[in-house]
Amino acid sequence: FLGPGADSIISNSTWNVSPLCPDVREVFADAPTDGAGTTYITFTGGDPANPGVGFRDKFRKWGHWDQEIPVYVGLPPCNPIPLKGEIVTGAPLGSYALRIKNMDVVGGLGAVLNQGEVVSILDFNVCSACLSTPGGFYCYWCDLDWSGVDTAVDLNIATSHLTHDCDTPFSP
């Protein structure tokens, strides 16, 4: 994540030293673009032999979320070009914005040690409040199953990840 872009993605070892978190600066495509022009970027971890099918990569851990995560083609020293996504094939360019939801919903964006990349009781409480008071600022991000509404299913997802951080589970 370089330059102006995903400013709410927490993925560094500078501010998250205990436990030590990996530095995630770039996430590469799973494999080269195929003959049809299709490229897969699997955020959990990609397999060049099976693009688009994720596996858990312990070196790709980050917290928080972001409204739009820029995707670029090309690497320095070339000028990377931002790609505009399509919600479906043939839709207008820019109709899709890459978003990631994460159980780490609140806190962690300040310059405070060891506050990022952790799912705490604060995250649980915010998502719990969205069940009785929908429409709050964080409620979109607490809809962890992408159903369009916060339910007990979302709260169960958050509960199952409570206390997770950079070394729990699957320590790097």
Protein backbone atom coordinates (compact mmCIF):
# COMPACT_ATOMS: atom_id res chain seq x y z
CA PHE A 1 0.00 0.00 0.00
CA LEU A 2 1.95 2.90 -1.33
CA GLY A 3 1.20 6.60 -1.61
CA PRO A 4 -2.34 7.91 -1.32
CA GLY A 5 -4.67 4.99 -0.95
CA ALA A 6 -5.74 2.59 1.75
CA ASP A 7 -5.15 4.87 4.71
CA SER A 8 -7.13 2.75 7.14
CA ILE A 9 -5.39 -0.56 6.51
CA ILE A 10 -3.10 -1.37 9.42
CA SER A 11 -0.29 -3.62 8.28
CA ASN A 12 3.02 -2.84 9.85
CA SER A 13 5.54 -3.82 12.46
CA THR A 14 6.47 -0.22 13.33
CA TRP A 15 3.39 0.37 15.48
CA ASN A 16 2.48 -3.25 16.13
CA VAL A 17 5.49 -4.81 17.81
CA SER A 18 3.88 -6.97 20.49
CA PRO A 19 2.88 -9.20 18.93
CA LEU A 20 5.03 -8.40 15.93
CA CYS A 21 2.91 -7.91 12.82
CA PRO A 22 4.11 -8.44 9.26
CA ASP A 23 4.74 -5.46 6.99
CA VAL A 24 2.23 -5.74 4.15
CA ARG A 25 3.05 -3.13 1.52
CA GLU A 26 2.06 -4.87 -1.68
CA VAL A 27 -0.19 -7.79 -2.47
CA PHE A 28 0.66 -9.29 -5.83
CA ALA A 29 -1.63 -11.07 -8.24
CA ASP A 30 -1.89 -14.82 -7.71
CA ALA A 31 -0.41 -15.52 -11.14
CA PRO A 32 0.25 -13.70 -14.41
CA THR A 33 -2.78 -12.45 -16.32
CA ASP A 34 -4.22 -15.28 -18.40
CA GLY A 35 -4.90 -15.25 -22.16
CA ALA A 36 -8.45 -13.96 -21.59
CA GLY A 37 -7.12 -10.96 -19.65
CA THR A 38 -8.25 -12.23 -16.24
CA THR A 39 -6.14 -11.61 -13.15
CA TYR A 40 -6.84 -12.84 -9.63
CA ILE A 41 -5.73 -11.13 -6.43
CA THR A 42 -6.56 -13.34 -3.47
CA PHE A 43 -6.08 -11.42 -0.23
CA THR A 44 -5.80 -14.39 2.08
CA GLY A 45 -2.94 -15.73 -0.06
CA GLY A 46 -2.79 -16.95 -3.63
CA ASP A 47 -1.48 -20.05 -5.36
CA PRO A 48 0.03 -19.53 -8.85
CA ALA A 49 -1.06 -23.06 -9.80
CA ASN A 50 -4.67 -22.33 -8.83
CA PRO A 51 -5.35 -18.57 -9.17
CA GLY A 52 -8.44 -17.26 -7.40
CA VAL A 53 -8.47 -19.95 -4.73
CA GLY A 54 -7.21 -18.56 -1.44
CA PHE A 55 -5.21 -20.13 1.32
CA ARG A 56 -4.20 -18.68 4.67
CA ASP A 57 -0.87 -16.87 4.31
CA LYS A 58 0.50 -15.97 7.76
CA PHE A 59 2.46 -13.08 6.24
CA ARG A 60 -0.70 -11.36 4.98
CA LYS A 61 -2.31 -10.13 8.15
CA TRP A 62 -3.74 -6.69 8.56
CA GLY A 63 -6.39 -4.99 10.55
CA HIS A 64 -9.14 -2.48 10.15
CA TRP A 65 -10.88 -1.82 6.83
CA ASP A 66 -11.03 0.75 4.08
CA GLN A 67 -13.67 2.28 1.85
CA GLU A 68 -11.66 1.75 -1.30
CA ILE A 69 -8.36 0.00 -1.79
CA PRO A 70 -6.54 1.09 -4.94
CA VAL A 71 -5.35 -1.59 -7.35
CA TYR A 72 -2.47 -0.77 -9.67
CA VAL A 73 -0.83 -2.46 -12.61
CA GLY A 74 2.92 -2.01 -12.96
CA LEU A 75 5.66 -1.49 -10.44
CA PRO A 76 8.25 1.22 -9.89
CA PRO A 77 10.35 2.48 -11.59
CA CYS A 78 7.40 2.57 -14.01
CA ASN A 79 4.44 4.70 -13.03
CA PRO A 80 1.82 2.25 -11.72
CA ILE A 81 -1.57 2.78 -13.32
CA PRO A 82 -4.69 2.59 -11.14
CA LEU A 83 -7.26 0.07 -12.35
CA LYS A 84 -10.97 0.75 -12.22
CA GLY A 85 -13.07 -2.28 -11.39
CA GLU A 86 -16.32 -3.49 -12.92
CA ILE A 87 -19.07 -4.89 -10.73
CA VAL A 88 -19.83 -7.36 -13.56
CA THR A 89 -18.32 -7.85 -16.99
CA GLY A 90 -19.41 -5.02 -19.28
CA ALA A 91 -20.42 -2.68 -16.43
CA PRO A 92 -19.03 0.85 -16.47
CA LEU A 93 -15.42 1.17 -15.38
CA GLY A 94 -15.33 2.32 -11.79
CA SER A 95 -18.62 0.61 -10.88
CA TYR A 96 -16.74 -1.61 -8.42
CA ALA A 97 -14.52 -0.45 -5.56
CA LEU A 98 -12.39 -3.00 -3.78
CA ARG A 99 -13.36 -3.13 -0.12
CA ILE A 100 -12.25 -5.40 2.66
CA LYS A 101 -14.20 -5.94 5.84
CA ASN A 102 -12.32 -7.02 8.93
CA MET A 103 -13.27 -8.00 12.46
CA ASP A 104 -10.93 -5.24 13.70
CA VAL A 105 -13.51 -2.47 13.29
CA VAL A 106 -12.59 0.31 15.72
CA GLY A 107 -9.41 1.90 17.05
CA GLY A 108 -5.84 1.35 16.00
CA LEU A 109 -5.44 4.24 13.56
CA GLY A 110 -3.56 6.54 15.92
CA ALA A 111 0.18 6.55 16.55
CA VAL A 112 -0.18 4.30 19.61
CA LEU A 113 1.80 1.11 20.04
CA ASN A 114 0.08 -2.26 19.66
CA GLN A 115 -3.42 -0.93 18.99
CA GLY A 116 -3.80 -2.15 15.42
CA GLU A 117 -4.55 -5.57 14.02
CA VAL A 118 -6.36 -6.84 17.09
CA VAL A 119 -9.98 -7.89 17.56
CA SER A 120 -10.96 -6.63 21.00
CA ILE A 121 -14.03 -6.22 23.16
CA LEU A 122 -14.33 -2.70 21.66
CA ASP A 123 -14.94 -4.23 18.22
CA PHE A 124 -17.45 -6.68 19.69
CA ASN A 125 -19.33 -3.91 21.54
CA VAL A 126 -19.62 -1.74 18.42
CA CYS A 127 -20.94 -4.64 16.33
CA SER A 128 -23.29 -5.66 19.13
CA ALA A 129 -24.72 -2.13 19.24
CA CYS A 130 -25.45 -2.32 15.51
CA LEU A 131 -28.00 -5.07 16.16
CA SER A 132 -30.24 -2.74 18.16
CA THR A 133 -29.25 0.56 16.53
CA PRO A 134 -28.64 -0.08 12.82
CA GLY A 135 -27.27 2.59 10.53
CA GLY A 136 -24.42 3.79 12.71
CA PHE A 137 -21.08 4.74 11.14
CA TYR A 138 -19.48 1.34 11.82
CA CYS A 139 -22.54 -0.81 11.12
CA TYR A 140 -21.72 -1.29 7.43
CA TRP A 141 -18.32 -2.65 8.49
CA CYS A 142 -19.89 -4.93 11.13
CA ASP A 143 -21.99 -6.66 8.44
CA LEU A 144 -19.30 -9.32 8.18
CA ASP A 145 -21.30 -11.76 6.06
CA TRP A 146 -22.18 -9.01 3.51
CA SER A 147 -25.92 -9.75 3.84
CA GLY A 148 -26.81 -6.04 3.94
CA VAL A 149 -27.99 -6.05 7.55
CA ASP A 150 -26.32 -6.64 10.92
CA THR A 151 -27.58 -9.84 12.55
CA ALA A 152 -26.59 -12.38 15.17
CA VAL A 153 -24.64 -14.17 12.43
CA ASP A 154 -22.31 -11.16 12.15
CA LEU A 155 -21.95 -10.99 15.92
CA ASN A 156 -21.09 -14.71 16.01
CA ILE A 157 -18.38 -14.10 13.39
CA ALA A 158 -16.93 -11.27 15.49
CA THR A 159 -17.16 -13.40 18.65
CA SER A 160 -15.26 -16.28 17.06
CA HIS A 161 -12.40 -13.88 16.25
CA LEU A 162 -12.26 -12.14 19.63
CA THR A 163 -8.62 -11.71 20.83
CA HIS A 164 -7.20 -12.52 17.40
CA ASP A 165 -4.13 -10.49 16.45
CA CYS A 166 -0.97 -10.91 14.41
CA ASP A 167 0.17 -14.06 16.14
CA THR A 168 -3.18 -15.61 17.01
CA PRO A 169 -4.14 -17.73 15.16
CA PHE A 170 -1.34 -18.92 12.84
CA SER A 171 1.63 -17.11 14.26
CA PRO A 172 4.04 -15.74 11.68
